[in-house]
Amino acid sequence: MAEKEKVSKALKDKLFNQRKNGYSRISKSDEKASMKFAEDYKRFLDKAKTEREAVIEAVELLKAKGFTEYKRGMKLKAGDRIYRVNRGKAVIISVIGKAPIEEGVRLCAAHIDSPRLDLKQNPLYEDNELALFKTHYYGGIKKYQWTAIPLALHGVIIKADGTKVTVAIGEDESDPVFYVSDLLPHLATEQMTRPATKLIRGEDLNLLIGSIPFREDETSEAVKLNILNILYEKYGITEADFISSELEAVPAFKARDIGFDRSLIGGYGHDDRCCSYPALRAAVDCKAPTHTVVTVLTDKEETGSDGNTGLCSSYLEYFIHDLAADLGADGRHVLSASECLSADVNAAFDPTFPEVNEKNNCAYVNRGVCITKYTGARGKSGTSDASAEFTGRIRRLMDSKDVIWQTGELGKVDMGGGGTVAAYIANLDVDTIDMGVPVLAMHAPYEVISKLDLYMAYKAFAVFIAD
């Protein structure tokens, strides 16, 4: 009997797809490296809460590592390290490879925007001696999650004379924070009868910003006047300057370890900074690649990738065409020979809410970076659906380099779904597949990921661009 069981086990080990907890497979050196990488990532997460800040942090790192700003027409050679910033909200990074660029580039694409509350163009108002900002939420959120938590205000204001003012209030311990109020349960009888999507309505997401009236003279809207006076004295702005501003209310939380074993990270903006930071680091750490490396950290993914800083625009395509021209090649042929990892997150299985997943086809915490062959909704709407050949190539590459990986889709077939930038890059005739970190409580103000999965994303991107 024991012999039969041994034969059966050997056969299962050979034939079954057994993706177990990564900590049963990770090397000691990789485990140690994952903990160090997590500390670097947490610092990035705290500093880069908006797409503009992520670009600033990325460029600072790139310059420190010998990258120079790319200008069309540059004389390029193997080993050159360049970058291009798109309107302060996206950045493309490249390391020139040894092989002719006609053989294609190794492309990683991640996004650096996250769900948040944007201020409206005329945001400031007073109501019953309280001053508030009106907001318009950005991306897919559960609106009730954004009430009764401390919020920070980040962004830029362009004054009438064209001067730019940078704002970041609420991150330092000495800073004030801002707040969206909610009803006390004692008076919420009617509110609690609403469906969850209407517990808090979009127009209820108003930021509380002050309550002291201007004291020099009795006037209407004295609290609003006092707030404007404070802003004028500090920043030199008037109410009209809000029209040409981009101000974002984001959670004022710091990234922290979660759990007694410190295996998890809680923080705002894991989607998609837990992929964009590993992609950035992989590009920075790449020394002498065979194929030219192109990594794009893009904007606007959470709202459909439209706009001139999102990947529905042509700025990435133009960059590759410019690069190809400077290296004596045709951009169209370069794109057709290229390969891409769309570096975006997937939903981690949550044992508290198992009903939304099909357990054989979902991502799990600590099982490594997740390869997602297709995204989309219901009938695969809005996905590029990577080919079996390209999926097989990526699978072989990950296995050959000891990358701990798994595969998964975003929920049950008719449960919902979502998209990434993969389809927009695949539309350029590029072989593309999604790969990223599983996330618990995705799009919440405070999301959770695994340190092991984060590090395996970095390792996956690094081996892909070096191949």
Protein backbone atom coordinates (compact mmCIF):
# COMPACT_ATOMS: atom_id res chain seq x y z
CA MET A 1 0.00 0.00 0.00
CA ALA A 2 2.81 2.36 0.94
CA GLU A 3 4.50 1.66 -2.39
CA LYS A 4 1.29 2.45 -4.30
CA GLU A 5 0.91 5.72 -2.41
CA LYS A 6 4.51 6.60 -3.26
CA VAL A 7 3.88 5.94 -6.98
CA SER A 8 0.65 7.96 -6.84
CA LYS A 9 2.40 10.89 -5.17
CA ALA A 10 5.21 10.83 -7.72
CA LEU A 11 2.67 10.84 -10.54
CA LYS A 12 0.76 13.75 -8.98
CA ASP A 13 3.98 15.70 -8.55
CA LYS A 14 4.72 15.15 -12.21
CA LEU A 15 1.26 15.79 -13.69
CA PHE A 16 -0.64 18.15 -11.37
CA ASN A 17 -0.33 21.93 -11.50
CA GLN A 18 0.62 22.51 -7.87
CA ARG A 19 1.21 26.18 -7.06
CA LYS A 20 1.82 26.17 -3.32
CA ASN A 21 2.63 28.92 -0.85
CA GLY A 22 5.79 30.61 -2.03
CA TYR A 23 7.43 30.46 1.35
CA SER A 24 7.73 26.70 0.93
CA ARG A 25 9.79 27.30 -2.22
CA ILE A 26 11.60 30.61 -1.85
CA SER A 27 15.37 30.56 -1.32
CA LYS A 28 16.82 32.12 1.82
CA SER A 29 18.62 34.74 -0.27
CA ASP A 30 15.42 35.71 -2.11
CA GLU A 31 13.48 35.86 1.16
CA LYS A 32 16.07 38.22 2.62
CA ALA A 33 16.10 40.30 -0.55
CA SER A 34 12.30 40.53 -0.53
CA MET A 35 12.32 42.08 2.94
CA LYS A 36 14.87 44.71 1.91
CA PHE A 37 13.01 45.43 -1.32
CA ALA A 38 9.80 45.94 0.68
CA GLU A 39 11.42 48.69 2.76
CA ASP A 40 12.49 50.56 -0.38
CA TYR A 41 9.01 50.14 -1.80
CA LYS A 42 7.28 51.48 1.32
CA ARG A 43 9.38 54.63 1.15
CA PHE A 44 8.39 55.07 -2.52
CA LEU A 45 4.72 54.48 -1.69
CA ASP A 46 4.75 57.21 0.96
CA LYS A 47 6.49 59.72 -1.30
CA ALA A 48 4.61 59.02 -4.54
CA LYS A 49 0.90 59.25 -3.80
CA THR A 50 0.03 60.88 -7.12
CA GLU A 51 1.16 60.30 -10.69
CA ARG A 52 3.10 63.59 -10.67
CA GLU A 53 4.95 62.63 -7.50
CA ALA A 54 5.69 59.16 -8.90
CA VAL A 55 7.31 60.77 -11.94
CA ILE A 56 9.39 63.08 -9.72
CA GLU A 57 10.59 60.14 -7.60
CA ALA A 58 11.33 58.06 -10.70
CA VAL A 59 13.34 60.81 -12.40
CA GLU A 60 15.31 61.45 -9.22
CA LEU A 61 16.27 57.76 -9.11
CA LEU A 62 17.02 57.65 -12.84
CA LYS A 63 19.36 60.63 -12.68
CA ALA A 64 21.15 59.14 -9.69
CA LYS A 65 21.72 55.95 -11.71
CA GLY A 66 23.18 57.65 -14.77
CA PHE A 67 20.11 58.08 -17.00
CA THR A 68 19.91 61.19 -19.19
CA GLU A 69 16.90 62.90 -20.73
CA TYR A 70 16.22 61.68 -24.25
CA LYS A 71 16.05 64.12 -27.14
CA ARG A 72 15.00 62.98 -30.60
CA GLY A 73 18.02 62.71 -32.88
CA MET A 74 20.46 61.65 -30.17
CA LYS A 75 23.36 59.42 -31.15
CA LEU A 76 22.60 56.21 -29.29
CA LYS A 77 24.63 53.08 -28.67
CA ALA A 78 24.34 49.88 -26.65
CA GLY A 79 24.33 50.56 -22.93
CA ASP A 80 22.94 54.11 -23.15
CA ARG A 81 20.37 54.87 -20.43
CA ILE A 82 17.70 57.43 -21.28
CA TYR A 83 14.26 58.65 -20.23
CA ARG A 84 11.48 60.94 -21.45
CA VAL A 85 8.83 62.63 -19.28
CA ASN A 86 5.37 63.20 -20.72
CA ARG A 87 3.77 66.36 -19.28
CA GLY A 88 4.91 65.58 -15.75
CA LYS A 89 2.49 62.66 -15.44
CA ALA A 90 4.16 59.77 -17.24
CA VAL A 91 7.72 58.66 -17.89
CA ILE A 92 9.36 56.32 -20.39
CA ILE A 93 12.67 54.69 -19.50
CA SER A 94 14.99 52.91 -21.92
CA VAL A 95 18.28 51.03 -21.85
CA ILE A 96 19.71 50.46 -25.32
CA GLY A 97 20.44 46.80 -26.01
CA LYS A 98 23.25 45.05 -27.85
CA ALA A 99 21.00 43.42 -30.45
CA PRO A 100 19.70 45.42 -33.43
CA ILE A 101 16.50 47.18 -32.44
CA GLU A 102 14.79 45.52 -35.43
CA GLU A 103 14.63 42.43 -33.18
CA GLY A 104 12.15 44.33 -31.04
CA VAL A 105 12.16 45.82 -27.55
CA ARG A 106 11.36 44.27 -24.20
CA LEU A 107 8.56 46.46 -22.91
CA CYS A 108 7.13 46.76 -19.40
CA ALA A 109 4.06 48.96 -18.92
CA ALA A 110 2.64 49.95 -15.54
CA HIS A 111 0.44 52.80 -14.36
CA ILE A 112 1.12 55.33 -11.61
CA ASP A 113 -2.35 56.78 -11.08
CA SER A 114 -4.66 55.43 -8.35
CA PRO A 115 -8.26 55.99 -7.25
CA ARG A 116 -8.71 59.24 -5.31
CA LEU A 117 -10.89 62.33 -4.88
CA ASP A 118 -10.15 65.19 -7.30
CA LEU A 119 -11.19 68.73 -6.44
CA LYS A 120 -13.73 70.28 -8.79
CA GLN A 121 -12.75 73.40 -10.70
CA ASN A 122 -14.83 75.61 -8.42
CA PRO A 123 -14.47 73.59 -5.23
CA LEU A 124 -14.65 76.01 -2.30
CA TYR A 125 -17.93 76.81 -0.60
CA GLU A 126 -19.34 77.63 2.82
CA ASP A 127 -22.39 75.97 4.34
CA ASN A 128 -23.65 76.78 7.84
CA GLU A 129 -20.31 78.24 8.87
CA LEU A 130 -18.23 75.30 7.69
CA ALA A 131 -15.86 75.56 4.71
CA LEU A 132 -15.70 72.62 2.33
CA PHE A 133 -14.24 71.50 -1.00
CA LYS A 134 -16.42 69.79 -3.60
CA THR A 135 -14.78 66.74 -5.16
CA HIS A 136 -15.24 64.43 -8.13
CA TYR A 137 -14.03 60.90 -7.46
CA TYR A 138 -11.43 59.45 -9.83
CA GLY A 139 -11.48 55.77 -10.75
CA GLY A 140 -13.59 52.93 -9.41
CA ILE A 141 -14.17 53.30 -5.68
CA LYS A 142 -16.58 52.24 -2.98
CA LYS A 143 -17.57 55.77 -2.03
CA TYR A 144 -18.43 54.93 1.59
CA GLN A 145 -14.82 53.82 2.20
CA TRP A 146 -13.61 57.39 1.70
CA THR A 147 -15.54 58.86 4.62
CA ALA A 148 -14.30 59.29 8.20
CA ILE A 149 -10.60 58.84 7.35
CA PRO A 150 -7.76 61.41 7.31
CA LEU A 151 -7.04 62.74 3.84
CA ALA A 152 -4.07 64.68 2.47
CA LEU A 153 -4.15 67.19 -0.38
CA HIS A 154 -1.58 66.89 -3.18
CA GLY A 155 -1.18 68.54 -6.55
CA VAL A 156 -0.44 71.71 -8.46
CA ILE A 157 -2.09 75.09 -8.97
CA ILE A 158 -1.33 77.21 -12.04
CA LYS A 159 -1.88 80.88 -11.16
CA ALA A 160 -3.17 83.54 -13.54
CA ASP A 161 0.39 84.62 -14.36
CA GLY A 162 1.40 81.02 -15.23
CA THR A 163 3.34 80.39 -12.02
CA LYS A 164 3.07 76.83 -10.72
CA VAL A 165 2.41 76.18 -7.03
CA THR A 166 3.02 72.67 -5.68
CA VAL A 167 0.84 71.51 -2.81
CA ALA A 168 1.33 68.63 -0.38
CA ILE A 169 -0.57 69.02 2.88
CA GLY A 170 -1.35 66.26 5.35
CA GLU A 171 1.68 63.97 5.18
CA ASP A 172 3.86 65.56 7.86
CA GLU A 173 2.83 64.91 11.48
CA SER A 174 2.54 68.66 12.04
CA ASP A 175 0.24 69.16 9.01
CA PRO A 176 -3.53 69.42 9.20
CA VAL A 177 -5.53 66.74 7.37
CA PHE A 178 -8.89 66.87 5.65
CA TYR A 179 -12.04 64.84 6.14
CA VAL A 180 -15.25 63.61 4.51
CA SER A 181 -17.88 63.27 7.22
CA ASP A 182 -20.50 60.55 7.55
CA LEU A 183 -23.75 60.22 9.48
CA LEU A 184 -23.71 58.91 13.01
CA PRO A 185 -25.46 55.53 13.26
CA HIS A 186 -28.09 57.03 15.62
CA LEU A 187 -29.46 59.16 12.76
CA ALA A 188 -28.67 56.92 9.81
CA THR A 189 -31.87 54.89 9.69
CA GLU A 190 -32.81 56.12 6.21
CA GLN A 191 -29.23 56.05 4.93
CA MET A 192 -28.79 52.42 5.97
CA THR A 193 -31.78 51.36 3.87
CA ARG A 194 -30.06 52.48 0.67
CA PRO A 195 -28.09 50.05 -1.51
CA ALA A 196 -24.34 50.14 -0.80
CA THR A 197 -23.69 52.07 -4.02
CA LYS A 198 -25.79 54.94 -2.64
CA LEU A 199 -24.85 54.91 1.03
CA ILE A 200 -22.61 57.83 0.12
CA ARG A 201 -23.37 59.62 -3.12
CA GLY A 202 -20.76 61.27 -5.31
CA GLU A 203 -21.92 64.74 -4.29
CA ASP A 204 -21.60 63.75 -0.62
CA LEU A 205 -17.82 63.44 -0.89
CA ASN A 206 -17.13 66.94 0.38
CA LEU A 207 -13.86 67.75 2.15
CA LEU A 208 -14.10 69.57 5.47
CA ILE A 209 -11.38 72.25 5.39
CA GLY A 210 -12.16 74.86 8.06
CA SER A 211 -14.59 76.60 10.44
CA ILE A 212 -13.11 79.92 11.70
CA PRO A 213 -14.66 83.10 10.20
CA PHE A 214 -12.63 86.08 9.00
CA ARG A 215 -12.64 88.42 12.00
CA GLU A 216 -11.78 91.82 10.59
CA ASP A 217 -15.31 92.64 9.54
CA GLU A 218 -18.74 91.06 9.62
CA THR A 219 -19.51 89.66 6.19
CA SER A 220 -21.33 86.79 4.54
CA GLU A 221 -19.28 83.67 3.82
CA ALA A 222 -16.76 84.77 6.44
CA VAL A 223 -15.36 81.23 6.87
CA LYS A 224 -14.80 80.89 3.14
CA LEU A 225 -13.12 84.30 3.14
CA ASN A 226 -10.83 83.25 5.98
CA ILE A 227 -9.79 80.08 4.13
CA LEU A 228 -9.09 82.06 0.95
CA ASN A 229 -7.07 84.56 2.96
CA ILE A 230 -4.98 81.73 4.47
CA LEU A 231 -4.38 80.29 1.00
CA TYR A 232 -3.49 83.69 -0.43
CA GLU A 233 -0.98 84.38 2.34
CA LYS A 234 0.62 80.92 2.01
CA TYR A 235 0.47 80.33 -1.75
CA GLY A 236 -0.48 83.66 -3.32
CA ILE A 237 -3.57 82.17 -4.96
CA THR A 238 -7.14 83.39 -5.39
CA GLU A 239 -10.36 81.43 -5.83
CA ALA A 240 -10.12 81.74 -9.63
CA ASP A 241 -6.80 79.87 -9.58
CA PHE A 242 -8.58 76.65 -8.64
CA ILE A 243 -9.88 76.54 -12.21
CA SER A 244 -6.37 75.77 -13.47
CA SER A 245 -5.37 73.36 -10.72
CA GLU A 246 -5.04 69.62 -10.26
CA LEU A 247 -5.56 68.89 -6.58
CA GLU A 248 -6.08 65.35 -5.34
CA ALA A 249 -7.30 64.19 -1.95
CA VAL A 250 -5.55 60.94 -1.03
CA PRO A 251 -5.43 58.92 2.21
CA ALA A 252 -2.99 60.37 4.72
CA PHE A 253 -1.96 56.88 5.85
CA LYS A 254 1.65 55.67 5.84
CA ALA A 255 2.62 52.29 4.41
CA ARG A 256 3.02 49.80 7.25
CA ASP A 257 3.80 46.12 7.80
CA ILE A 258 0.73 44.00 8.51
CA GLY A 259 0.65 40.84 10.61
CA PHE A 260 2.69 39.43 13.47
CA ASP A 261 5.11 37.96 10.92
CA ARG A 262 5.35 41.26 8.97
CA SER A 263 4.75 39.38 5.73
CA LEU A 264 2.23 41.86 4.31
CA ILE A 265 2.24 45.57 3.46
CA GLY A 266 -0.72 47.87 3.97
CA GLY A 267 -0.80 51.15 2.07
CA TYR A 268 -2.58 53.49 -0.31
CA GLY A 269 -1.96 53.03 -4.03
CA HIS A 270 -0.65 49.45 -4.28
CA ASP A 271 -2.69 49.42 -7.51
CA ASP A 272 -0.51 49.96 -9.44
CA ARG A 273 2.59 51.15 -7.62
CA CYS A 274 3.34 47.61 -6.45
CA CYS A 275 3.97 46.91 -10.15
CA SER A 276 5.27 50.30 -11.32
CA TYR A 277 7.99 50.43 -8.65
CA PRO A 278 9.32 46.91 -9.41
CA ALA A 279 9.22 47.75 -13.14
CA LEU A 280 11.13 50.97 -12.49
CA ARG A 281 13.71 49.20 -10.34
CA ALA A 282 14.13 46.41 -12.88
CA ALA A 283 14.91 48.98 -15.58
CA VAL A 284 17.29 50.90 -13.33
CA ASP A 285 19.12 47.71 -12.30
CA CYS A 286 19.44 46.50 -15.90
CA LYS A 287 23.05 46.94 -17.04
CA ALA A 288 23.73 45.42 -20.47
CA PRO A 289 20.55 43.94 -21.96
CA THR A 290 20.52 41.95 -25.17
CA HIS A 291 17.39 43.66 -26.45
CA THR A 292 16.56 47.31 -25.93
CA VAL A 293 14.50 47.81 -22.78
CA VAL A 294 11.53 50.19 -22.69
CA THR A 295 9.59 50.71 -19.46
CA VAL A 296 6.62 53.07 -19.37
CA LEU A 297 5.00 54.36 -16.19
CA THR A 298 1.75 55.79 -17.45
CA ASP A 299 -1.20 57.85 -16.27
CA LYS A 300 -5.00 57.63 -16.62
CA GLU A 301 -5.37 53.83 -16.46
CA GLU A 302 -7.99 54.07 -13.72
CA THR A 303 -10.27 56.13 -15.96
CA GLY A 304 -9.79 54.21 -19.21
CA SER A 305 -6.31 55.34 -20.37
CA ASP A 306 -7.71 58.23 -22.41
CA GLY A 307 -5.98 61.60 -22.63
CA ASN A 308 -2.49 62.49 -23.81
CA THR A 309 -0.81 60.94 -20.75
CA GLY A 310 -2.72 57.66 -20.99
CA LEU A 311 -1.83 54.70 -23.19
CA CYS A 312 -4.76 55.19 -25.54
CA SER A 313 -2.73 58.14 -26.82
CA SER A 314 0.28 57.76 -29.12
CA TYR A 315 3.10 58.99 -26.90
CA LEU A 316 4.58 55.52 -26.30
CA GLU A 317 4.31 54.63 -29.98
CA TYR A 318 5.95 57.93 -30.93
CA PHE A 319 8.81 57.27 -28.49
CA ILE A 320 9.53 53.86 -30.01
CA HIS A 321 9.36 55.32 -33.53
CA ASP A 322 11.82 58.06 -32.51
CA LEU A 323 14.11 55.51 -30.87
CA ALA A 324 13.97 53.29 -33.94
CA ALA A 325 14.76 56.21 -36.26
CA ASP A 326 17.77 57.22 -34.16
CA LEU A 327 19.04 53.64 -34.40
CA GLY A 328 18.40 53.39 -38.15
CA ALA A 329 15.27 51.23 -38.05
CA ASP A 330 11.57 51.41 -38.89
CA GLY A 331 9.37 51.87 -35.82
CA ARG A 332 6.55 49.76 -37.22
CA HIS A 333 8.87 46.77 -37.67
CA VAL A 334 10.31 47.28 -34.18
CA LEU A 335 6.85 47.19 -32.61
CA SER A 336 5.84 44.05 -34.50
CA ALA A 337 8.91 42.23 -33.16
CA SER A 338 8.46 43.46 -29.58
CA GLU A 339 7.15 41.77 -26.44
CA CYS A 340 5.42 43.34 -23.47
CA LEU A 341 4.57 42.60 -19.86
CA SER A 342 1.58 44.70 -18.89
CA ALA A 343 2.54 45.17 -15.25
CA ASP A 344 -0.76 45.42 -13.41
CA VAL A 345 -2.32 43.88 -10.34
CA ASN A 346 -4.88 41.13 -9.95
CA ALA A 347 -7.36 40.48 -7.15
CA ALA A 348 -6.09 38.22 -4.38
CA PHE A 349 -8.40 35.51 -3.05
CA ASP A 350 -10.02 36.71 0.18
CA PRO A 351 -11.31 33.87 2.40
CA THR A 352 -13.87 36.26 3.91
CA PHE A 353 -15.47 36.72 0.47
CA PRO A 354 -14.82 33.43 -1.39
CA GLU A 355 -18.01 33.54 -3.43
CA VAL A 356 -16.66 35.99 -6.05
CA ASN A 357 -13.81 33.72 -7.18
CA GLU A 358 -13.50 30.40 -8.94
CA LYS A 359 -10.83 28.85 -6.74
CA ASN A 360 -8.92 27.01 -9.47
CA ASN A 361 -8.49 30.21 -11.46
CA CYS A 362 -7.71 33.05 -9.08
CA ALA A 363 -4.62 34.59 -7.52
CA TYR A 364 -3.55 33.87 -3.94
CA VAL A 365 -1.41 35.82 -1.49
CA ASN A 366 2.17 34.47 -1.22
CA ARG A 367 2.00 32.29 -4.32
CA GLY A 368 4.08 34.70 -6.35
CA VAL A 369 3.55 37.13 -9.20
CA CYS A 370 0.33 36.45 -11.13
CA ILE A 371 0.31 35.84 -14.88
CA THR A 372 -3.09 36.91 -16.23
CA LYS A 373 -3.64 35.61 -19.76
CA TYR A 374 -6.78 37.72 -20.22
CA THR A 375 -8.70 40.36 -18.31
CA GLY A 376 -11.92 42.04 -19.43
CA ALA A 377 -15.49 41.60 -18.27
CA ARG A 378 -17.84 38.66 -18.70
CA GLY A 379 -17.30 37.55 -22.31
CA LYS A 380 -13.66 38.73 -22.21
CA SER A 381 -14.81 42.18 -23.29
CA GLY A 382 -11.95 44.67 -23.42
CA THR A 383 -9.06 42.21 -23.26
CA SER A 384 -6.24 41.35 -25.63
CA ASP A 385 -6.10 37.66 -24.49
CA ALA A 386 -2.45 36.65 -24.89
CA SER A 387 -1.71 33.81 -27.28
CA ALA A 388 -0.86 30.32 -26.04
CA GLU A 389 2.56 30.66 -27.67
CA PHE A 390 3.47 33.86 -25.85
CA THR A 391 2.00 32.59 -22.57
CA GLY A 392 4.13 29.46 -22.96
CA ARG A 393 7.24 31.52 -23.60
CA ILE A 394 6.72 33.60 -20.45
CA ARG A 395 5.96 30.50 -18.40
CA ARG A 396 9.20 28.82 -19.53
CA LEU A 397 11.21 31.95 -18.84
CA MET A 398 9.85 32.34 -15.31
CA ASP A 399 10.50 28.68 -14.49
CA SER A 400 14.03 28.81 -15.87
CA LYS A 401 14.91 31.77 -13.60
CA ASP A 402 13.24 30.45 -10.41
CA VAL A 403 10.54 33.10 -10.37
CA ILE A 404 7.65 32.04 -8.15
CA TRP A 405 4.52 32.64 -10.18
CA GLN A 406 0.87 31.67 -10.45
CA THR A 407 -1.98 32.31 -12.82
CA GLY A 408 -5.42 33.77 -12.20
CA GLU A 409 -8.34 35.71 -13.62
CA LEU A 410 -10.27 38.60 -12.10
CA GLY A 411 -13.26 36.90 -10.48
CA LYS A 412 -15.93 34.50 -11.71
CA VAL A 413 -17.01 34.77 -15.32
CA ASP A 414 -20.21 36.76 -14.79
CA MET A 415 -19.18 38.46 -11.54
CA GLY A 416 -17.67 41.60 -13.07
CA GLY A 417 -14.10 41.98 -14.20
CA GLY A 418 -11.77 44.78 -15.19
CA GLY A 419 -9.12 45.86 -17.64
CA THR A 420 -5.49 46.97 -17.88
CA VAL A 421 -3.33 48.71 -20.48
CA ALA A 422 -2.52 45.38 -22.16
CA ALA A 423 -5.08 45.79 -24.92
CA TYR A 424 -3.75 49.20 -25.98
CA ILE A 425 -0.22 47.89 -26.36
CA ALA A 426 -1.38 44.68 -28.07
CA ASN A 427 -3.21 46.93 -30.55
CA LEU A 428 0.23 48.13 -31.68
CA ASP A 429 0.95 44.56 -32.89
CA VAL A 430 2.99 43.71 -29.77
CA ASP A 431 2.81 40.33 -28.01
CA THR A 432 1.45 41.29 -24.60
CA ILE A 433 0.42 39.58 -21.38
CA ASP A 434 -0.55 40.87 -17.94
CA MET A 435 1.65 40.12 -14.96
CA GLY A 436 1.42 41.63 -11.49
CA VAL A 437 0.92 41.42 -7.76
CA PRO A 438 -2.28 40.03 -6.16
CA VAL A 439 -3.98 42.69 -4.00
CA LEU A 440 -6.45 42.39 -1.14
CA ALA A 441 -9.10 45.15 -0.88
CA MET A 442 -8.12 46.59 -4.26
CA HIS A 443 -9.15 50.25 -4.78
CA ALA A 444 -9.78 50.74 -1.06
CA PRO A 445 -8.01 53.67 0.62
CA TYR A 446 -5.72 51.09 2.28
CA GLU A 447 -4.85 48.00 0.25
CA VAL A 448 -2.77 44.94 1.19
CA ILE A 449 -0.10 42.97 -0.67
CA SER A 450 2.50 40.30 0.12
CA LYS A 451 6.21 41.11 0.32
CA LEU A 452 7.02 37.83 -1.42
CA ASP A 453 4.67 38.59 -4.32
CA LEU A 454 6.08 42.12 -4.61
CA TYR A 455 9.64 40.85 -4.88
CA MET A 456 8.70 38.17 -7.37
CA ALA A 457 7.17 40.89 -9.56
CA TYR A 458 10.52 42.68 -9.53
CA LYS A 459 12.37 39.46 -10.28
CA ALA A 460 9.95 38.62 -13.11
CA PHE A 461 10.32 42.01 -14.77
CA ALA A 462 14.09 41.89 -14.37
CA VAL A 463 14.49 38.49 -16.03
CA PHE A 464 12.08 39.42 -18.82
CA ILE A 465 13.90 42.58 -19.87
CA ALA A 466 17.28 40.85 -19.54
CA ASP A 467 16.25 37.90 -21.73
